[in-house]
Amino acid sequence: MTEESNPVPDITQEAVEALLQRAIRNTLILGLIPAAVVLFASAWRDAAMLATGTFISAASIFEWLRLTRVIYAKLNNQKTPRSAPAVVVFFVLRLTVYAGVIYGSLKCFQGSVIALLCGLGLAALAVGWEAVRLLRD
């Protein structure tokens, strides 16, 4: 039998952190520039919905960044940071808080749900793009 090569290269913690930081930046750029365009071209309500989705996406990636640090510490048998329980609690709490923010923005802004979904989808788009770039290099 032949030895198969690992299709996923060894990815360092620093590379993952850089990937997530670039994804946060890209998410904010890809969300706030179109929100400004929508603000002037359409209605402020739709721009607010897009900006809300963008901020939730960027904050979600930031929480994943914090969670990856804890996971890498566990995987590398390093001392777990003292903030590890707080990271996990805030990760779960974030889901509840952002659900409330989404509900509140739908009720208060009464803008386009599509704009909100576009903002929320930016996290997946930015992280996916950066992951492809990392694996390609």
N, C-alpha and C. Protein backbone atom coordinates (compact mmCIF):
# COMPACT_ATOMS: atom_id res chain seq x y z
N MET A 1 0.82 -1.18 0.00
CA MET A 1 0.00 0.00 0.00
C MET A 1 0.87 1.24 0.00
N THR A 2 0.34 2.28 -0.55
CA THR A 2 1.07 3.53 -0.59
C THR A 2 0.62 4.43 0.56
N GLU A 3 1.54 5.26 0.99
CA GLU A 3 1.20 6.21 2.04
C GLU A 3 0.48 7.39 1.42
N GLU A 4 -0.62 7.76 2.04
CA GLU A 4 -1.36 8.91 1.55
C GLU A 4 -0.85 10.16 2.26
N SER A 5 -0.74 11.22 1.50
CA SER A 5 -0.32 12.47 2.13
C SER A 5 -1.53 13.14 2.76
N ASN A 6 -1.25 13.88 3.80
CA ASN A 6 -2.30 14.58 4.51
C ASN A 6 -2.79 15.74 3.64
N PRO A 7 -4.09 15.76 3.29
CA PRO A 7 -4.57 16.84 2.43
C PRO A 7 -4.60 18.20 3.12
N VAL A 8 -4.65 18.20 4.44
CA VAL A 8 -4.65 19.46 5.19
C VAL A 8 -3.26 19.64 5.80
N PRO A 9 -2.57 20.68 5.41
CA PRO A 9 -1.23 20.89 5.96
C PRO A 9 -1.30 21.25 7.44
N ASP A 10 -0.17 21.15 8.10
CA ASP A 10 -0.12 21.56 9.50
C ASP A 10 -0.31 23.06 9.57
N ILE A 11 -1.37 23.43 10.24
CA ILE A 11 -1.70 24.85 10.36
C ILE A 11 -1.41 25.28 11.79
N THR A 12 -0.63 26.30 11.92
CA THR A 12 -0.23 26.77 13.24
C THR A 12 -1.33 27.65 13.85
N GLN A 13 -1.21 27.82 15.15
CA GLN A 13 -2.14 28.68 15.86
C GLN A 13 -2.06 30.11 15.36
N GLU A 14 -0.85 30.56 15.08
CA GLU A 14 -0.66 31.93 14.59
C GLU A 14 -1.35 32.13 13.24
N ALA A 15 -1.29 31.10 12.39
CA ALA A 15 -1.94 31.19 11.08
C ALA A 15 -3.46 31.27 11.23
N VAL A 16 -4.01 30.49 12.14
CA VAL A 16 -5.45 30.52 12.36
C VAL A 16 -5.87 31.87 12.95
N GLU A 17 -5.08 32.38 13.89
CA GLU A 17 -5.41 33.69 14.48
C GLU A 17 -5.33 34.79 13.43
N ALA A 18 -4.31 34.73 12.58
CA ALA A 18 -4.20 35.73 11.51
C ALA A 18 -5.36 35.61 10.53
N LEU A 19 -5.76 34.39 10.22
CA LEU A 19 -6.90 34.15 9.35
C LEU A 19 -8.15 34.78 9.92
N LEU A 20 -8.41 34.56 11.21
CA LEU A 20 -9.63 35.09 11.83
C LEU A 20 -9.57 36.62 11.95
N GLN A 21 -8.39 37.17 12.21
CA GLN A 21 -8.28 38.63 12.28
C GLN A 21 -8.52 39.28 10.92
N ARG A 22 -7.99 38.65 9.87
CA ARG A 22 -8.26 39.16 8.52
C ARG A 22 -9.74 39.02 8.17
N ALA A 23 -10.35 37.93 8.63
CA ALA A 23 -11.77 37.72 8.37
C ALA A 23 -12.63 38.78 9.07
N ILE A 24 -12.23 39.18 10.28
CA ILE A 24 -12.96 40.25 10.98
C ILE A 24 -12.86 41.55 10.17
N ARG A 25 -11.65 41.87 9.73
CA ARG A 25 -11.45 43.08 8.94
C ARG A 25 -12.26 43.04 7.65
N ASN A 26 -12.20 41.92 6.95
CA ASN A 26 -12.93 41.79 5.69
C ASN A 26 -14.44 41.85 5.89
N THR A 27 -14.91 41.26 6.97
CA THR A 27 -16.34 41.30 7.27
C THR A 27 -16.80 42.73 7.48
N LEU A 28 -16.04 43.49 8.25
CA LEU A 28 -16.41 44.88 8.50
C LEU A 28 -16.37 45.71 7.21
N ILE A 29 -15.37 45.49 6.38
CA ILE A 29 -15.27 46.23 5.12
C ILE A 29 -16.41 45.83 4.19
N LEU A 30 -16.65 44.52 4.06
CA LEU A 30 -17.68 44.04 3.14
C LEU A 30 -19.10 44.37 3.62
N GLY A 31 -19.24 44.74 4.88
CA GLY A 31 -20.56 45.07 5.40
C GLY A 31 -20.83 46.54 5.53
N LEU A 32 -19.83 47.29 5.98
CA LEU A 32 -20.08 48.70 6.27
C LEU A 32 -20.07 49.57 5.01
N ILE A 33 -19.26 49.23 4.03
CA ILE A 33 -19.26 50.00 2.79
C ILE A 33 -20.61 49.84 2.06
N PRO A 34 -21.10 48.61 1.89
CA PRO A 34 -22.43 48.49 1.28
C PRO A 34 -23.54 49.11 2.15
N ALA A 35 -23.39 49.08 3.47
CA ALA A 35 -24.39 49.71 4.33
C ALA A 35 -24.43 51.21 4.08
N ALA A 36 -23.27 51.82 3.87
CA ALA A 36 -23.24 53.25 3.56
C ALA A 36 -23.88 53.53 2.21
N VAL A 37 -23.63 52.65 1.25
CA VAL A 37 -24.25 52.81 -0.07
C VAL A 37 -25.77 52.67 0.04
N VAL A 38 -26.21 51.67 0.78
CA VAL A 38 -27.66 51.46 0.97
C VAL A 38 -28.27 52.64 1.71
N LEU A 39 -27.54 53.20 2.64
CA LEU A 39 -28.05 54.36 3.38
C LEU A 39 -28.38 55.51 2.44
N PHE A 40 -27.52 55.78 1.49
CA PHE A 40 -27.74 56.88 0.57
C PHE A 40 -28.66 56.50 -0.59
N ALA A 41 -28.65 55.24 -0.99
CA ALA A 41 -29.43 54.83 -2.16
C ALA A 41 -30.85 54.39 -1.82
N SER A 42 -31.05 53.90 -0.62
CA SER A 42 -32.35 53.33 -0.28
C SER A 42 -32.86 53.95 1.01
N ALA A 43 -33.00 53.14 2.02
CA ALA A 43 -33.56 53.61 3.28
C ALA A 43 -32.59 53.35 4.42
N TRP A 44 -32.68 54.18 5.45
CA TRP A 44 -31.80 54.00 6.59
C TRP A 44 -32.11 52.70 7.32
N ARG A 45 -33.34 52.23 7.23
CA ARG A 45 -33.73 51.00 7.92
C ARG A 45 -32.97 49.79 7.36
N ASP A 46 -32.87 49.73 6.04
CA ASP A 46 -32.14 48.63 5.42
C ASP A 46 -30.65 48.71 5.73
N ALA A 47 -30.11 49.92 5.75
CA ALA A 47 -28.70 50.10 6.09
C ALA A 47 -28.45 49.68 7.54
N ALA A 48 -29.37 50.01 8.42
CA ALA A 48 -29.23 49.61 9.83
C ALA A 48 -29.29 48.09 9.98
N MET A 49 -30.14 47.45 9.22
CA MET A 49 -30.22 45.98 9.28
C MET A 49 -28.93 45.35 8.77
N LEU A 50 -28.39 45.88 7.68
CA LEU A 50 -27.13 45.36 7.14
C LEU A 50 -25.99 45.59 8.12
N ALA A 51 -25.93 46.76 8.72
CA ALA A 51 -24.88 47.05 9.70
C ALA A 51 -25.02 46.17 10.94
N THR A 52 -26.25 45.91 11.38
CA THR A 52 -26.47 45.03 12.53
C THR A 52 -25.95 43.62 12.23
N GLY A 53 -26.29 43.10 11.07
CA GLY A 53 -25.80 41.78 10.68
C GLY A 53 -24.29 41.74 10.56
N THR A 54 -23.71 42.82 10.06
CA THR A 54 -22.25 42.90 9.92
C THR A 54 -21.56 42.88 11.28
N PHE A 55 -22.07 43.68 12.21
CA PHE A 55 -21.46 43.71 13.55
C PHE A 55 -21.61 42.37 14.27
N ILE A 56 -22.75 41.72 14.10
CA ILE A 56 -22.93 40.40 14.71
C ILE A 56 -21.95 39.40 14.10
N SER A 57 -21.75 39.47 12.79
CA SER A 57 -20.79 38.58 12.12
C SER A 57 -19.38 38.81 12.61
N ALA A 58 -18.96 40.07 12.69
CA ALA A 58 -17.60 40.37 13.14
C ALA A 58 -17.40 39.95 14.59
N ALA A 59 -18.39 40.19 15.43
CA ALA A 59 -18.28 39.79 16.84
C ALA A 59 -18.25 38.27 16.98
N SER A 60 -18.97 37.58 16.12
CA SER A 60 -18.95 36.12 16.14
C SER A 60 -17.57 35.58 15.80
N ILE A 61 -16.95 36.16 14.79
CA ILE A 61 -15.60 35.73 14.43
C ILE A 61 -14.63 36.03 15.57
N PHE A 62 -14.81 37.16 16.24
CA PHE A 62 -13.96 37.50 17.38
C PHE A 62 -14.12 36.47 18.50
N GLU A 63 -15.34 36.03 18.75
CA GLU A 63 -15.56 34.99 19.77
C GLU A 63 -14.90 33.67 19.36
N TRP A 64 -14.94 33.35 18.07
CA TRP A 64 -14.26 32.15 17.59
C TRP A 64 -12.75 32.27 17.76
N LEU A 65 -12.24 33.47 17.56
CA LEU A 65 -10.81 33.71 17.77
C LEU A 65 -10.43 33.41 19.22
N ARG A 66 -11.22 33.90 20.14
CA ARG A 66 -10.94 33.64 21.56
C ARG A 66 -11.08 32.16 21.88
N LEU A 67 -12.08 31.50 21.28
CA LEU A 67 -12.29 30.08 21.54
C LEU A 67 -11.16 29.23 20.97
N THR A 68 -10.62 29.61 19.82
CA THR A 68 -9.52 28.83 19.23
C THR A 68 -8.28 28.86 20.11
N ARG A 69 -8.05 29.97 20.79
CA ARG A 69 -6.90 30.04 21.70
C ARG A 69 -7.02 29.01 22.81
N VAL A 70 -8.21 28.84 23.34
CA VAL A 70 -8.44 27.85 24.40
C VAL A 70 -8.30 26.44 23.84
N ILE A 71 -8.83 26.22 22.66
CA ILE A 71 -8.76 24.88 22.05
C ILE A 71 -7.32 24.51 21.74
N TYR A 72 -6.55 25.44 21.17
CA TYR A 72 -5.14 25.15 20.89
C TYR A 72 -4.35 24.89 22.17
N ALA A 73 -4.67 25.58 23.25
CA ALA A 73 -3.98 25.34 24.52
C ALA A 73 -4.26 23.92 24.99
N LYS A 74 -5.50 23.47 24.84
CA LYS A 74 -5.84 22.10 25.24
C LYS A 74 -5.17 21.07 24.33
N LEU A 75 -5.17 21.34 23.03
CA LEU A 75 -4.59 20.38 22.09
C LEU A 75 -3.09 20.24 22.26
N ASN A 76 -2.42 21.32 22.61
CA ASN A 76 -0.96 21.30 22.76
C ASN A 76 -0.52 21.02 24.18
N ASN A 77 -1.44 20.58 25.01
CA ASN A 77 -1.16 20.24 26.41
C ASN A 77 -0.48 21.39 27.15
N GLN A 78 -0.88 22.59 26.82
CA GLN A 78 -0.37 23.75 27.53
C GLN A 78 -1.32 24.06 28.68
N LYS A 79 -0.85 24.96 29.53
CA LYS A 79 -1.70 25.38 30.63
C LYS A 79 -2.88 26.16 30.05
N THR A 80 -4.08 25.75 30.45
CA THR A 80 -5.28 26.43 29.98
C THR A 80 -5.34 27.83 30.59
N PRO A 81 -5.60 28.84 29.78
CA PRO A 81 -5.68 30.20 30.32
C PRO A 81 -6.76 30.31 31.39
N ARG A 82 -6.54 31.22 32.34
CA ARG A 82 -7.52 31.41 33.40
C ARG A 82 -8.85 31.88 32.86
N SER A 83 -8.82 32.49 31.73
CA SER A 83 -10.05 33.03 31.16
C SER A 83 -10.84 31.98 30.36
N ALA A 84 -10.38 30.74 30.34
CA ALA A 84 -11.04 29.72 29.53
C ALA A 84 -12.51 29.53 29.88
N PRO A 85 -12.88 29.41 31.17
CA PRO A 85 -14.31 29.29 31.46
C PRO A 85 -15.11 30.50 30.99
N ALA A 86 -14.54 31.68 31.13
CA ALA A 86 -15.24 32.89 30.69
C ALA A 86 -15.41 32.89 29.17
N VAL A 87 -14.42 32.41 28.45
CA VAL A 87 -14.51 32.36 26.99
C VAL A 87 -15.66 31.45 26.57
N VAL A 88 -15.74 30.28 27.20
CA VAL A 88 -16.79 29.33 26.86
C VAL A 88 -18.16 29.87 27.25
N VAL A 89 -18.26 30.48 28.43
CA VAL A 89 -19.54 31.04 28.87
C VAL A 89 -19.97 32.17 27.95
N PHE A 90 -19.04 33.06 27.60
CA PHE A 90 -19.39 34.16 26.71
C PHE A 90 -19.73 33.66 25.30
N PHE A 91 -19.11 32.57 24.89
CA PHE A 91 -19.45 32.00 23.58
C PHE A 91 -20.90 31.57 23.55
N VAL A 92 -21.34 30.88 24.60
CA VAL A 92 -22.73 30.44 24.67
C VAL A 92 -23.66 31.63 24.92
N LEU A 93 -23.26 32.54 25.78
CA LEU A 93 -24.06 33.72 26.08
C LEU A 93 -24.22 34.59 24.84
N ARG A 94 -23.18 34.64 24.02
CA ARG A 94 -23.24 35.42 22.79
C ARG A 94 -24.39 34.98 21.90
N LEU A 95 -24.61 33.70 21.82
CA LEU A 95 -25.70 33.20 20.99
C LEU A 95 -27.04 33.74 21.46
N THR A 96 -27.23 33.79 22.77
CA THR A 96 -28.47 34.30 23.33
C THR A 96 -28.59 35.81 23.11
N VAL A 97 -27.52 36.53 23.38
CA VAL A 97 -27.54 37.99 23.23
C VAL A 97 -27.78 38.37 21.77
N TYR A 98 -27.10 37.71 20.85
CA TYR A 98 -27.26 38.06 19.44
C TYR A 98 -28.63 37.67 18.91
N ALA A 99 -29.21 36.62 19.46
CA ALA A 99 -30.60 36.29 19.09
C ALA A 99 -31.52 37.43 19.51
N GLY A 100 -31.28 37.99 20.69
CA GLY A 100 -32.06 39.14 21.14
C GLY A 100 -31.81 40.37 20.28
N VAL A 101 -30.57 40.58 19.87
CA VAL A 101 -30.25 41.73 19.01
C VAL A 101 -30.93 41.58 17.65
N ILE A 102 -30.92 40.38 17.12
CA ILE A 102 -31.58 40.14 15.84
C ILE A 102 -33.08 40.40 15.97
N TYR A 103 -33.69 39.87 17.03
CA TYR A 103 -35.12 40.09 17.25
C TYR A 103 -35.42 41.58 17.43
N GLY A 104 -34.59 42.25 18.23
CA GLY A 104 -34.79 43.68 18.45
C GLY A 104 -34.63 44.50 17.19
N SER A 105 -33.65 44.16 16.36
CA SER A 105 -33.47 44.91 15.12
C SER A 105 -34.63 44.68 14.16
N LEU A 106 -35.16 43.47 14.15
CA LEU A 106 -36.32 43.22 13.29
C LEU A 106 -37.54 44.01 13.76
N LYS A 107 -37.71 44.13 15.06
CA LYS A 107 -38.85 44.87 15.60
C LYS A 107 -38.65 46.38 15.52
N CYS A 108 -37.47 46.88 15.86
CA CYS A 108 -37.24 48.33 15.92
C CYS A 108 -36.99 48.95 14.55
N PHE A 109 -36.10 48.38 13.77
CA PHE A 109 -35.74 48.98 12.50
C PHE A 109 -36.80 48.72 11.43
N GLN A 110 -37.42 47.56 11.48
CA GLN A 110 -38.43 47.15 10.50
C GLN A 110 -37.91 47.31 9.07
N GLY A 111 -36.65 46.94 8.91
CA GLY A 111 -36.03 47.01 7.60
C GLY A 111 -36.11 45.66 6.90
N SER A 112 -35.32 45.53 5.89
CA SER A 112 -35.31 44.32 5.07
C SER A 112 -34.63 43.16 5.81
N VAL A 113 -35.31 42.05 5.85
CA VAL A 113 -34.74 40.85 6.45
C VAL A 113 -33.58 40.35 5.59
N ILE A 114 -33.69 40.56 4.30
CA ILE A 114 -32.62 40.15 3.38
C ILE A 114 -31.33 40.89 3.71
N ALA A 115 -31.42 42.17 4.03
CA ALA A 115 -30.22 42.94 4.39
C ALA A 115 -29.59 42.38 5.66
N LEU A 116 -30.42 42.01 6.63
CA LEU A 116 -29.90 41.41 7.86
C LEU A 116 -29.22 40.08 7.56
N LEU A 117 -29.84 39.25 6.74
CA LEU A 117 -29.25 37.96 6.40
C LEU A 117 -27.95 38.12 5.61
N CYS A 118 -27.88 39.14 4.76
CA CYS A 118 -26.64 39.40 4.03
C CYS A 118 -25.52 39.76 5.01
N GLY A 119 -25.84 40.59 5.99
CA GLY A 119 -24.84 40.95 7.00
C GLY A 119 -24.42 39.76 7.82
N LEU A 120 -25.38 38.91 8.17
CA LEU A 120 -25.05 37.73 8.97
C LEU A 120 -24.23 36.72 8.17
N GLY A 121 -24.45 36.65 6.88
CA GLY A 121 -23.71 35.71 6.04
C GLY A 121 -22.28 36.12 5.73
N LEU A 122 -21.96 37.36 6.04
CA LEU A 122 -20.60 37.84 5.74
C LEU A 122 -19.54 37.09 6.53
N ALA A 123 -19.86 36.62 7.72
CA ALA A 123 -18.87 35.88 8.52
C ALA A 123 -18.47 34.60 7.80
N ALA A 124 -19.45 33.86 7.31
CA ALA A 124 -19.14 32.62 6.60
C ALA A 124 -18.37 32.90 5.32
N LEU A 125 -18.75 33.95 4.63
CA LEU A 125 -18.06 34.31 3.40
C LEU A 125 -16.61 34.70 3.66
N ALA A 126 -16.39 35.55 4.65
CA ALA A 126 -15.02 36.03 4.93
C ALA A 126 -14.13 34.91 5.46
N VAL A 127 -14.65 34.11 6.38
CA VAL A 127 -13.85 33.00 6.93
C VAL A 127 -13.57 31.97 5.84
N GLY A 128 -14.57 31.67 5.03
CA GLY A 128 -14.36 30.72 3.93
C GLY A 128 -13.32 31.19 2.95
N TRP A 129 -13.39 32.47 2.59
CA TRP A 129 -12.41 33.05 1.66
C TRP A 129 -11.00 32.98 2.24
N GLU A 130 -10.85 33.36 3.49
CA GLU A 130 -9.53 33.34 4.12
C GLU A 130 -9.01 31.91 4.29
N ALA A 131 -9.91 30.97 4.56
CA ALA A 131 -9.48 29.57 4.69
C ALA A 131 -8.98 29.02 3.35
N VAL A 132 -9.66 29.36 2.29
CA VAL A 132 -9.21 28.93 0.95
C VAL A 132 -7.83 29.54 0.65
N ARG A 133 -7.67 30.82 0.97
CA ARG A 133 -6.37 31.47 0.75
C ARG A 133 -5.27 30.79 1.56
N LEU A 134 -5.58 30.43 2.81
CA LEU A 134 -4.57 29.78 3.67
C LEU A 134 -4.21 28.41 3.12
N LEU A 135 -5.19 27.63 2.72
CA LEU A 135 -4.91 26.28 2.22
C LEU A 135 -4.24 26.31 0.85
N ARG A 136 -4.50 27.33 0.07
CA ARG A 136 -3.88 27.44 -1.25
C ARG A 136 -2.39 27.74 -1.16
N ASP A 137 -2.02 28.53 -0.15
CA ASP A 137 -0.61 28.93 0.01
C ASP A 137 0.26 27.83 0.55
